[in-house]
Amino acid sequence: MNDLSEISYGLEVLRRVWNSWDRSTLSDEQSVVGDRVLNSANLDRLIDSLYFFCACADGDALNQWQGYAGDRGFSIEIDTAAHLAPLDTSGQGDAGGLFMHVVPGWYRVIYDPAEQERLVRKVLDFALSGGGYRDGRPLDSGHLETFLGTVIAQFKHPSFNAEREVRFIALRRGPDLPERFRSGRSGVIPYVELVCPPGEGRHLVSYPGQDPPGPLPLKSLTCGPADAAEAALIASAASRLMEAHGYDVRVHRSRVPYRFFRI
């Protein structure tokens, strides 16, 4: 899904660090490069082009059942070693080009503000010092935007640290990659469809003209907290559902002793 608030939070951290930078330590050229990147419209475009597939490092966490799954919810374990890619059904091929300002993949979310600022400073210091130069010239601004975009896409407000979130970060491949919408508790939610690209390659985008996508990388399924009388029925139905769709995965019952009260 495309979460505007989280991407905006990362951009705020990035610009706060740059605005507090001691410019006396930089050459005029370095200051210009930094200002150009930090004020780049490309970084602002991340708000419309970046998508998060959010998960939790704990598959049976009380706060996740309470905050997201609700009564009789399910937790699906994902194999993060498997590669995912947005499905492009536009038929446009590579005509739109690839907007590359984040390295797609799985990342652990960073909540600590001090760690967030440290990482931003590390990337900026590398890019604007000798490490960020090639043949005596500074890195292309596109490379710096990609480093910074990948870092800030991992940031989240510290008040959410109990969620222990991990996320797959994906990019919308320009305006030609179809964007979908679904309703949610917060309103209309934009998203892109992720699939497992066929073969061994780590494709950034999967096209219908390729071989059919592989099955989703599911490892197990946990049924949420429920009364003992219902838990067995729920687990049995969930097992049959997985089998009907071709998934040979383990089905567990939640170990959380929590009851949802219906009003």
C-alpha atoms as a PDB file:
ATOM      1  CA  MET A   1       0.000   0.000   0.000  1.00  0.00           C
ATOM      2  CA  ASN A   2       1.004   3.624  -0.425  1.00  0.00           C
ATOM      3  CA  ASP A   3       1.202   5.285   3.030  1.00  0.00           C
ATOM      4  CA  LEU A   4       1.663   9.037   2.619  1.00  0.00           C
ATOM      5  CA  SER A   5       2.264   9.748   6.316  1.00  0.00           C
ATOM      6  CA  GLU A   6       5.189   7.338   6.701  1.00  0.00           C
ATOM      7  CA  ILE A   7       6.970   8.519   3.565  1.00  0.00           C
ATOM      8  CA  SER A   8       6.477  12.144   4.621  1.00  0.00           C
ATOM      9  CA  TYR A   9       7.942  11.315   8.036  1.00  0.00           C
ATOM     10  CA  GLY A  10      11.121   9.970   6.420  1.00  0.00           C
ATOM     11  CA  LEU A  11      11.472  13.059   4.240  1.00  0.00           C
ATOM     12  CA  GLU A  12      11.117  15.275   7.323  1.00  0.00           C
ATOM     13  CA  VAL A  13      13.971  13.426   9.066  1.00  0.00           C
ATOM     14  CA  LEU A  14      16.153  13.731   5.966  1.00  0.00           C
ATOM     15  CA  ARG A  15      15.615  17.460   5.533  1.00  0.00           C
ATOM     16  CA  ARG A  16      15.994  18.155   9.248  1.00  0.00           C
ATOM     17  CA  VAL A  17      19.431  16.533   9.231  1.00  0.00           C
ATOM     18  CA  TRP A  18      20.542  18.420   6.131  1.00  0.00           C
ATOM     19  CA  ASN A  19      19.294  21.761   7.442  1.00  0.00           C
ATOM     20  CA  SER A  20      21.330  21.265  10.633  1.00  0.00           C
ATOM     21  CA  TRP A  21      24.502  20.285   8.736  1.00  0.00           C
ATOM     22  CA  ASP A  22      27.624  22.346   9.409  1.00  0.00           C
ATOM     23  CA  ARG A  23      28.128  23.870   5.970  1.00  0.00           C
ATOM     24  CA  SER A  24      31.587  25.151   6.919  1.00  0.00           C
ATOM     25  CA  THR A  25      32.831  21.558   6.542  1.00  0.00           C
ATOM     26  CA  LEU A  26      31.665  21.392   2.917  1.00  0.00           C
ATOM     27  CA  SER A  27      32.967  22.882  -0.287  1.00  0.00           C
ATOM     28  CA  ASP A  28      30.684  25.052  -2.396  1.00  0.00           C
ATOM     29  CA  GLU A  29      30.287  22.145  -4.837  1.00  0.00           C
ATOM     30  CA  GLN A  30      29.272  19.754  -2.051  1.00  0.00           C
ATOM     31  CA  SER A  31      26.710  22.212  -0.703  1.00  0.00           C
ATOM     32  CA  VAL A  32      25.224  22.631  -4.159  1.00  0.00           C
ATOM     33  CA  VAL A  33      24.975  18.855  -4.668  1.00  0.00           C
ATOM     34  CA  GLY A  34      23.319  18.410  -1.284  1.00  0.00           C
ATOM     35  CA  ASP A  35      20.847  21.239  -1.820  1.00  0.00           C
ATOM     36  CA  ARG A  36      19.984  19.976  -5.296  1.00  0.00           C
ATOM     37  CA  VAL A  37      19.250  16.456  -4.052  1.00  0.00           C
ATOM     38  CA  LEU A  38      17.378  17.485  -0.906  1.00  0.00           C
ATOM     39  CA  ASN A  39      15.184  19.868  -2.879  1.00  0.00           C
ATOM     40  CA  SER A  40      14.752  17.464  -5.769  1.00  0.00           C
ATOM     41  CA  ALA A  41      11.243  16.856  -7.019  1.00  0.00           C
ATOM     42  CA  ASN A  42      12.262  13.196  -7.353  1.00  0.00           C
ATOM     43  CA  LEU A  43      12.337  12.751  -3.577  1.00  0.00           C
ATOM     44  CA  ASP A  44       8.902  14.343  -3.296  1.00  0.00           C
ATOM     45  CA  ARG A  45       7.702  11.927  -5.965  1.00  0.00           C
ATOM     46  CA  LEU A  46       8.428   9.095  -3.525  1.00  0.00           C
ATOM     47  CA  ILE A  47       5.169  10.041  -1.796  1.00  0.00           C
ATOM     48  CA  ASP A  48       3.231   8.868  -4.850  1.00  0.00           C
ATOM     49  CA  SER A  49       5.586   6.122  -6.058  1.00  0.00           C
ATOM     50  CA  LEU A  50       6.568   4.122  -2.969  1.00  0.00           C
ATOM     51  CA  TYR A  51       4.588   1.160  -1.621  1.00  0.00           C
ATOM     52  CA  PHE A  52       5.018  -0.884   1.563  1.00  0.00           C
ATOM     53  CA  PHE A  53       4.039  -4.503   2.128  1.00  0.00           C
ATOM     54  CA  CYS A  54       3.970  -4.400   5.930  1.00  0.00           C
ATOM     55  CA  ALA A  55       4.535  -7.382   8.203  1.00  0.00           C
ATOM     56  CA  CYS A  56       5.644  -8.116  11.766  1.00  0.00           C
ATOM     57  CA  ALA A  57       8.700  -9.975  13.033  1.00  0.00           C
ATOM     58  CA  ASP A  58       6.416 -11.764  15.524  1.00  0.00           C
ATOM     59  CA  GLY A  59       3.674 -13.832  13.899  1.00  0.00           C
ATOM     60  CA  ASP A  60       1.635 -14.156  17.089  1.00  0.00           C
ATOM     61  CA  ALA A  61       1.767 -10.724  18.709  1.00  0.00           C
ATOM     62  CA  LEU A  62      -1.104  -9.452  20.849  1.00  0.00           C
ATOM     63  CA  ASN A  63      -0.864  -5.879  19.566  1.00  0.00           C
ATOM     64  CA  GLN A  64      -1.191  -7.114  15.976  1.00  0.00           C
ATOM     65  CA  TRP A  65      -4.308  -9.162  16.746  1.00  0.00           C
ATOM     66  CA  GLN A  66      -5.825  -6.188  18.571  1.00  0.00           C
ATOM     67  CA  GLY A  67      -4.814  -3.464  16.135  1.00  0.00           C
ATOM     68  CA  TYR A  68      -5.161  -5.144  12.754  1.00  0.00           C
ATOM     69  CA  ALA A  69      -6.572  -8.645  12.566  1.00  0.00           C
ATOM     70  CA  GLY A  70      -9.462  -8.342  14.993  1.00  0.00           C
ATOM     71  CA  ASP A  71     -11.764 -11.181  15.993  1.00  0.00           C
ATOM     72  CA  ARG A  72     -10.968 -14.463  14.186  1.00  0.00           C
ATOM     73  CA  GLY A  73      -8.072 -12.992  12.228  1.00  0.00           C
ATOM     74  CA  PHE A  74      -5.159 -14.835  10.646  1.00  0.00           C
ATOM     75  CA  SER A  75      -1.395 -14.313  10.524  1.00  0.00           C
ATOM     76  CA  ILE A  76       0.456 -15.480   7.402  1.00  0.00           C
ATOM     77  CA  GLU A  77       4.184 -16.220   7.602  1.00  0.00           C
ATOM     78  CA  ILE A  78       6.070 -15.033   4.504  1.00  0.00           C
ATOM     79  CA  ASP A  79       9.370 -16.417   3.243  1.00  0.00           C
ATOM     80  CA  THR A  80      11.405 -13.221   2.940  1.00  0.00           C
ATOM     81  CA  ALA A  81      14.093 -15.034   0.921  1.00  0.00           C
ATOM     82  CA  ALA A  82      11.662 -15.136  -2.011  1.00  0.00           C
ATOM     83  CA  HIS A  83      11.697 -12.115  -4.303  1.00  0.00           C
ATOM     84  CA  LEU A  84       8.569 -10.077  -4.974  1.00  0.00           C
ATOM     85  CA  ALA A  85       7.865  -7.575  -7.743  1.00  0.00           C
ATOM     86  CA  PRO A  86       4.942  -5.355  -8.800  1.00  0.00           C
ATOM     87  CA  LEU A  87       2.785  -6.861 -11.536  1.00  0.00           C
ATOM     88  CA  ASP A  88       2.516  -4.606 -14.582  1.00  0.00           C
ATOM     89  CA  THR A  89      -0.637  -5.316 -16.576  1.00  0.00           C
ATOM     90  CA  SER A  90      -0.456  -2.103 -18.616  1.00  0.00           C
ATOM     91  CA  GLY A  91       1.088  -3.780 -21.661  1.00  0.00           C
ATOM     92  CA  GLN A  92       3.456  -0.804 -22.010  1.00  0.00           C
ATOM     93  CA  GLY A  93       6.643  -2.790 -21.385  1.00  0.00           C
ATOM     94  CA  ASP A  94       9.528  -0.483 -20.507  1.00  0.00           C
ATOM     95  CA  ALA A  95       8.050   2.530 -22.267  1.00  0.00           C
ATOM     96  CA  GLY A  96       7.568   4.423 -19.029  1.00  0.00           C
ATOM     97  CA  GLY A  97      11.131   3.876 -17.823  1.00  0.00           C
ATOM     98  CA  LEU A  98      12.047   2.856 -14.306  1.00  0.00           C
ATOM     99  CA  PHE A  99      11.811   5.393 -11.516  1.00  0.00           C
ATOM    100  CA  MET A 100      14.746   4.149  -9.445  1.00  0.00           C
ATOM    101  CA  HIS A 101      15.151   6.001  -6.167  1.00  0.00           C
ATOM    102  CA  VAL A 102      14.804   3.053  -3.784  1.00  0.00           C
ATOM    103  CA  VAL A 103      16.350  -0.419  -3.804  1.00  0.00           C
ATOM    104  CA  PRO A 104      13.339  -2.789  -3.565  1.00  0.00           C
ATOM    105  CA  GLY A 105      13.456  -5.551  -0.959  1.00  0.00           C
ATOM    106  CA  TRP A 106      12.683  -6.561   2.622  1.00  0.00           C
ATOM    107  CA  TYR A 107      13.834  -4.236   5.424  1.00  0.00           C
ATOM    108  CA  ARG A 108      13.435  -3.994   9.172  1.00  0.00           C
ATOM    109  CA  VAL A 109      11.742  -0.756  10.186  1.00  0.00           C
ATOM    110  CA  ILE A 110      13.864   1.706  12.176  1.00  0.00           C
ATOM    111  CA  TYR A 111      12.041   3.531  14.977  1.00  0.00           C
ATOM    112  CA  ASP A 112      14.841   5.141  17.012  1.00  0.00           C
ATOM    113  CA  PRO A 113      15.123   8.837  16.020  1.00  0.00           C
ATOM    114  CA  ALA A 114      18.826   8.904  16.899  1.00  0.00           C
ATOM    115  CA  GLU A 115      19.475   5.882  14.667  1.00  0.00           C
ATOM    116  CA  GLN A 116      17.434   7.438  11.866  1.00  0.00           C
ATOM    117  CA  GLU A 117      19.482  10.628  11.951  1.00  0.00           C
ATOM    118  CA  ARG A 118      22.738   8.672  12.226  1.00  0.00           C
ATOM    119  CA  LEU A 119      21.952   6.704   9.052  1.00  0.00           C
ATOM    120  CA  VAL A 120      21.014   9.830   7.098  1.00  0.00           C
ATOM    121  CA  ARG A 121      24.223  11.533   8.193  1.00  0.00           C
ATOM    122  CA  LYS A 122      26.238   8.453   7.257  1.00  0.00           C
ATOM    123  CA  VAL A 123      24.845   8.395   3.713  1.00  0.00           C
ATOM    124  CA  LEU A 124      25.261  12.137   3.239  1.00  0.00           C
ATOM    125  CA  ASP A 125      28.781  12.094   4.671  1.00  0.00           C
ATOM    126  CA  PHE A 126      29.774   9.222   2.378  1.00  0.00           C
ATOM    127  CA  ALA A 127      28.249  10.838  -0.696  1.00  0.00           C
ATOM    128  CA  LEU A 128      29.717  14.280  -0.061  1.00  0.00           C
ATOM    129  CA  SER A 129      33.163  13.091   1.047  1.00  0.00           C
ATOM    130  CA  GLY A 130      35.845  11.096  -0.730  1.00  0.00           C
ATOM    131  CA  GLY A 131      33.844   7.861  -0.485  1.00  0.00           C
ATOM    132  CA  GLY A 132      31.083   9.351  -2.589  1.00  0.00           C
ATOM    133  CA  TYR A 133      33.338  10.444  -5.416  1.00  0.00           C
ATOM    134  CA  ARG A 134      34.350   8.612  -8.584  1.00  0.00           C
ATOM    135  CA  ASP A 135      37.322   9.842 -10.598  1.00  0.00           C
ATOM    136  CA  GLY A 136      37.341  13.028  -8.553  1.00  0.00           C
ATOM    137  CA  ARG A 137      33.698  13.762  -9.313  1.00  0.00           C
ATOM    138  CA  PRO A 138      30.747  13.531  -6.897  1.00  0.00           C
ATOM    139  CA  LEU A 139      28.251  10.738  -7.279  1.00  0.00           C
ATOM    140  CA  ASP A 140      25.429  11.330  -9.723  1.00  0.00           C
ATOM    141  CA  SER A 141      22.469  12.876  -7.909  1.00  0.00           C
ATOM    142  CA  GLY A 142      20.359   9.882  -8.960  1.00  0.00           C
ATOM    143  CA  HIS A 143      22.634   7.541  -6.993  1.00  0.00           C
ATOM    144  CA  LEU A 144      22.461   9.763  -3.917  1.00  0.00           C
ATOM    145  CA  GLU A 145      18.670   9.967  -4.204  1.00  0.00           C
ATOM    146  CA  THR A 146      18.528   6.160  -4.383  1.00  0.00           C
ATOM    147  CA  PHE A 147      20.694   5.764  -1.259  1.00  0.00           C
ATOM    148  CA  LEU A 148      18.676   8.335   0.672  1.00  0.00           C
ATOM    149  CA  GLY A 149      15.311   7.063  -0.554  1.00  0.00           C
ATOM    150  CA  THR A 150      16.167   3.513   0.505  1.00  0.00           C
ATOM    151  CA  VAL A 151      17.207   4.691   3.968  1.00  0.00           C
ATOM    152  CA  ILE A 152      14.221   6.923   4.745  1.00  0.00           C
ATOM    153  CA  ALA A 153      11.770   4.286   3.460  1.00  0.00           C
ATOM    154  CA  GLN A 154      12.789   2.255   6.516  1.00  0.00           C
ATOM    155  CA  PHE A 155      11.806   4.964   9.003  1.00  0.00           C
ATOM    156  CA  LYS A 156       8.692   5.071  11.152  1.00  0.00           C
ATOM    157  CA  HIS A 157       7.600   7.219  14.089  1.00  0.00           C
ATOM    158  CA  PRO A 158       8.985   5.833  17.397  1.00  0.00           C
ATOM    159  CA  SER A 159       5.512   5.541  18.931  1.00  0.00           C
ATOM    160  CA  PHE A 160       4.968   2.445  16.753  1.00  0.00           C
ATOM    161  CA  ASN A 161       8.092   0.578  17.906  1.00  0.00           C
ATOM    162  CA  ALA A 162       6.124  -2.171  19.698  1.00  0.00           C
ATOM    163  CA  GLU A 163       4.900  -3.362  16.292  1.00  0.00           C
ATOM    164  CA  ARG A 164       8.363  -4.701  15.313  1.00  0.00           C
ATOM    165  CA  GLU A 165       7.541  -4.099  11.679  1.00  0.00           C
ATOM    166  CA  VAL A 166       9.383  -5.484   8.674  1.00  0.00           C
ATOM    167  CA  ARG A 167       8.369  -4.298   5.234  1.00  0.00           C
ATOM    168  CA  PHE A 168       8.881  -5.039   1.578  1.00  0.00           C
ATOM    169  CA  ILE A 169       9.551  -1.772  -0.223  1.00  0.00           C
ATOM    170  CA  ALA A 170       8.326  -1.569  -3.809  1.00  0.00           C
ATOM    171  CA  LEU A 171       8.256   1.154  -6.434  1.00  0.00           C
ATOM    172  CA  ARG A 172       5.536   2.048  -8.843  1.00  0.00           C
ATOM    173  CA  ARG A 173       7.232   1.902 -12.248  1.00  0.00           C
ATOM    174  CA  GLY A 174       6.239   5.314 -13.546  1.00  0.00           C
ATOM    175  CA  PRO A 175       2.663   6.354 -14.380  1.00  0.00           C
ATOM    176  CA  ASP A 176       2.087   3.338 -16.652  1.00  0.00           C
ATOM    177  CA  LEU A 177       2.132   0.736 -13.883  1.00  0.00           C
ATOM    178  CA  PRO A 178      -1.510   0.225 -12.846  1.00  0.00           C
ATOM    179  CA  GLU A 179      -2.423   1.429  -9.390  1.00  0.00           C
ATOM    180  CA  ARG A 180      -5.281  -0.287  -7.601  1.00  0.00           C
ATOM    181  CA  PHE A 181      -7.494   0.851  -4.748  1.00  0.00           C
ATOM    182  CA  ARG A 182      -9.289  -0.788  -1.853  1.00  0.00           C
ATOM    183  CA  SER A 183     -11.352   0.479   1.048  1.00  0.00           C
ATOM    184  CA  GLY A 184      -9.931   0.404   4.552  1.00  0.00           C
ATOM    185  CA  ARG A 185     -10.531   1.815   7.986  1.00  0.00           C
ATOM    186  CA  SER A 186      -8.549   4.930   7.030  1.00  0.00           C
ATOM    187  CA  GLY A 187     -10.404   5.443   3.739  1.00  0.00           C
ATOM    188  CA  VAL A 188      -9.341   4.687   0.164  1.00  0.00           C
ATOM    189  CA  ILE A 189      -5.965   2.875   0.068  1.00  0.00           C
ATOM    190  CA  PRO A 190      -3.820   2.893  -3.127  1.00  0.00           C
ATOM    191  CA  TYR A 191      -1.755  -0.247  -3.768  1.00  0.00           C
ATOM    192  CA  VAL A 192       0.073  -2.273  -6.411  1.00  0.00           C
ATOM    193  CA  GLU A 193      -0.168  -6.041  -6.823  1.00  0.00           C
ATOM    194  CA  LEU A 194       2.973  -7.996  -5.851  1.00  0.00           C
ATOM    195  CA  VAL A 195       3.798 -11.392  -7.349  1.00  0.00           C
ATOM    196  CA  CYS A 196       6.713 -13.852  -7.340  1.00  0.00           C
ATOM    197  CA  PRO A 197       8.441 -13.399 -10.727  1.00  0.00           C
ATOM    198  CA  PRO A 198       9.055 -16.655 -12.604  1.00  0.00           C
ATOM    199  CA  GLY A 199      12.503 -18.218 -12.851  1.00  0.00           C
ATOM    200  CA  GLU A 200      15.612 -17.403 -10.899  1.00  0.00           C
ATOM    201  CA  GLY A 201      15.935 -13.747 -11.868  1.00  0.00           C
ATOM    202  CA  ARG A 202      15.242 -10.929  -9.414  1.00  0.00           C
ATOM    203  CA  HIS A 203      13.017  -8.829 -11.662  1.00  0.00           C
ATOM    204  CA  LEU A 204      12.041  -5.336 -10.569  1.00  0.00           C
ATOM    205  CA  VAL A 205       8.758  -5.637 -12.458  1.00  0.00           C
ATOM    206  CA  SER A 206       6.811  -8.710 -13.578  1.00  0.00           C
ATOM    207  CA  TYR A 207       4.903  -8.654 -16.884  1.00  0.00           C
ATOM    208  CA  PRO A 208       1.982 -10.855 -17.985  1.00  0.00           C
ATOM    209  CA  GLY A 209       3.954 -11.837 -21.097  1.00  0.00           C
ATOM    210  CA  GLN A 210       6.476 -13.682 -18.962  1.00  0.00           C
ATOM    211  CA  ASP A 211       5.929 -17.173 -17.607  1.00  0.00           C
ATOM    212  CA  PRO A 212       3.140 -17.250 -14.991  1.00  0.00           C
ATOM    213  CA  PRO A 213       4.197 -15.933 -11.565  1.00  0.00           C
ATOM    214  CA  GLY A 214       5.104 -18.536  -8.970  1.00  0.00           C
ATOM    215  CA  PRO A 215       2.980 -19.242  -5.899  1.00  0.00           C
ATOM    216  CA  LEU A 216       3.085 -16.762  -3.049  1.00  0.00           C
ATOM    217  CA  PRO A 217       5.956 -17.527  -0.644  1.00  0.00           C
ATOM    218  CA  LEU A 218       3.786 -18.684   2.265  1.00  0.00           C
ATOM    219  CA  LYS A 219       5.419 -20.707   5.062  1.00  0.00           C
ATOM    220  CA  SER A 220       2.705 -21.056   7.687  1.00  0.00           C
ATOM    221  CA  LEU A 221      -0.622 -19.685   8.878  1.00  0.00           C
ATOM    222  CA  THR A 222      -1.614 -18.863  12.459  1.00  0.00           C
ATOM    223  CA  CYS A 223      -5.266 -18.620  13.469  1.00  0.00           C
ATOM    224  CA  GLY A 224      -5.986 -15.752  15.833  1.00  0.00           C
ATOM    225  CA  PRO A 225      -7.123 -15.976  19.460  1.00  0.00           C
ATOM    226  CA  ALA A 226     -10.458 -17.774  19.812  1.00  0.00           C
ATOM    227  CA  ASP A 227     -12.451 -19.811  22.313  1.00  0.00           C
ATOM    228  CA  ALA A 228     -11.305 -23.424  22.537  1.00  0.00           C
ATOM    229  CA  ALA A 229     -14.577 -24.656  21.022  1.00  0.00           C
ATOM    230  CA  GLU A 230     -14.117 -22.442  17.963  1.00  0.00           C
ATOM    231  CA  ALA A 231     -10.337 -22.737  17.590  1.00  0.00           C
ATOM    232  CA  ALA A 232     -10.375 -26.315  16.271  1.00  0.00           C
ATOM    233  CA  LEU A 233     -13.075 -25.529  13.709  1.00  0.00           C
ATOM    234  CA  ILE A 234     -11.269 -22.411  12.527  1.00  0.00           C
ATOM    235  CA  ALA A 235      -7.929 -24.236  12.177  1.00  0.00           C
ATOM    236  CA  SER A 236      -9.559 -27.096  10.268  1.00  0.00           C
ATOM    237  CA  ALA A 237     -11.261 -24.730   7.819  1.00  0.00           C
ATOM    238  CA  ALA A 238      -8.017 -22.758   7.360  1.00  0.00           C
ATOM    239  CA  SER A 239      -6.086 -25.953   6.578  1.00  0.00           C
ATOM    240  CA  ARG A 240      -8.606 -26.965   3.939  1.00  0.00           C
ATOM    241  CA  LEU A 241      -8.503 -23.468   2.456  1.00  0.00           C
ATOM    242  CA  MET A 242      -4.707 -23.626   2.089  1.00  0.00           C
ATOM    243  CA  GLU A 243      -4.872 -27.088   0.531  1.00  0.00           C
ATOM    244  CA  ALA A 244      -7.584 -25.996  -1.907  1.00  0.00           C
ATOM    245  CA  HIS A 245      -5.261 -23.277  -3.211  1.00  0.00           C
ATOM    246  CA  GLY A 246      -2.269 -25.593  -3.515  1.00  0.00           C
ATOM    247  CA  TYR A 247      -0.359 -24.539  -0.397  1.00  0.00           C
ATOM    248  CA  ASP A 248       1.189 -27.212   1.803  1.00  0.00           C
ATOM    249  CA  VAL A 249       1.804 -25.069   4.880  1.00  0.00           C
ATOM    250  CA  ARG A 250       1.584 -25.550   8.610  1.00  0.00           C
ATOM    251  CA  VAL A 251      -1.509 -24.177  10.344  1.00  0.00           C
ATOM    252  CA  HIS A 252      -1.183 -23.137  13.985  1.00  0.00           C
ATOM    253  CA  ARG A 253      -3.460 -21.792  16.673  1.00  0.00           C
ATOM    254  CA  SER A 254      -2.493 -18.585  18.441  1.00  0.00           C
ATOM    255  CA  ARG A 255      -0.886 -19.001  21.861  1.00  0.00           C
ATOM    256  CA  VAL A 256      -2.130 -15.599  22.994  1.00  0.00           C
ATOM    257  CA  PRO A 257      -4.742 -16.028  25.770  1.00  0.00           C
ATOM    258  CA  TYR A 258      -6.910 -13.146  24.643  1.00  0.00           C
ATOM    259  CA  ARG A 259     -10.651 -12.906  24.159  1.00  0.00           C
ATOM    260  CA  PHE A 260     -12.408 -10.457  21.852  1.00  0.00           C
ATOM    261  CA  PHE A 261     -15.617  -9.197  23.404  1.00  0.00           C
ATOM    262  CA  ARG A 262     -18.501  -8.473  21.092  1.00  0.00           C
ATOM    263  CA  ILE A 263     -20.795  -5.593  21.977  1.00  0.00           C
END
